[in-house]
Amino acid sequence: MTEDFSPTARRRRLSAELADLREKHRQPDGRKTTSADVARALDWQRSKLSRIETNQWKRPSQRDVRDLLDYYGVTDETYRSYPLDLVKEGREKAWWTEVEDLYGSTDYIGLEAIAQQVRTWQYLVPGLFQTRDYAAAIVVGSGDIRDPEEVERRVEARMTRQKILERTNPLQVWAIVDESVIRKPVGGRAVQRSQLQHLLDLTQAKHLTLQVMRDSAGAHPGMGGPFSILDFGAGERSIVHLEHRTESLLLELPQKTDRYGWQFQHISAAAASPAETVDYLKEVLHDL
């Protein structure tokens, strides 16, 4: 599935389209149209327009979009059909809606599906790089999940997520992991060996980058905890994802996301290079 066919991507694009229309719209006196102008004219709360323009809606409304198009003076039926089609497609259900009961929120999965790049610093093998057996061992090892059916559903969801690495325009992933990730026999020696071989295989792909933070690096900016940065391309703000045991947090304000971008650069500089990482993986595999 490419970005073009993701319901999440459709909603995001629709929000951007409507925000752009307001930015270009002018009041009779020539000044730029504000959110307050729109809210007053349509008898809406300003928070409603804010949710629409920032893609905070769950199911876009045809009526709301028509009202906005009318207010902005969009009368050409060919042009009107584009955002209205986005409404229909944005209301479709993505595959991850079927596992919302497992995660509570699948916002990150939806954003990951439309991102151009993910930069991640982890104390585990990143979910997109995990083998099925490693993923199962992680789920079971958490101690929170004992139902075999739920374990299987979570593992299957993780495997489905990995399909974005195989699409025509694959997700770019730059992952840095702590050395303990490589040394720890999660699931036993056989699972560890299979996972390390899988990581070696992944390093051959041009759109995937892997680095290991060796213990010898000493103190570094990543010691504060793991995080992921989702990049969406020129003109779109990056989003930072922080995952905790009971909840996850998405950060969008530039003053916060820029800090994590700086951290990632310095973590990468302190870690073994991609070439050194390949040599290290081979060394560990040889010793197993």
Foldseek 3Di string as FASTA:
>chain_A
DALVQQLLSLQLVLLCVLVVLQQPAADPVGHGHDLVNLCVVVVHDSVVNVCSNRVVDQQDDLVVLVSSCVVSPPDPPVVSVSSSVSNVSNRDDDPCVVCCVVAVDCVVLSLQRQFQEKEKEAQAPDLLLADLLLQLLVVVVVVPDDDPVSSVVSSVVSVVSNCQCVDPSHRQYAYEYEPVNLVDQRNHDVRSLVSLVSVLVVLVDPRYFYWYQYVVLPDALCPVDMKMWTHNDPPDFIWIWADDPRDIDIDGDCVVVVVVVVRSVRSQVSTDGRVVRSVVSVVSSVVD
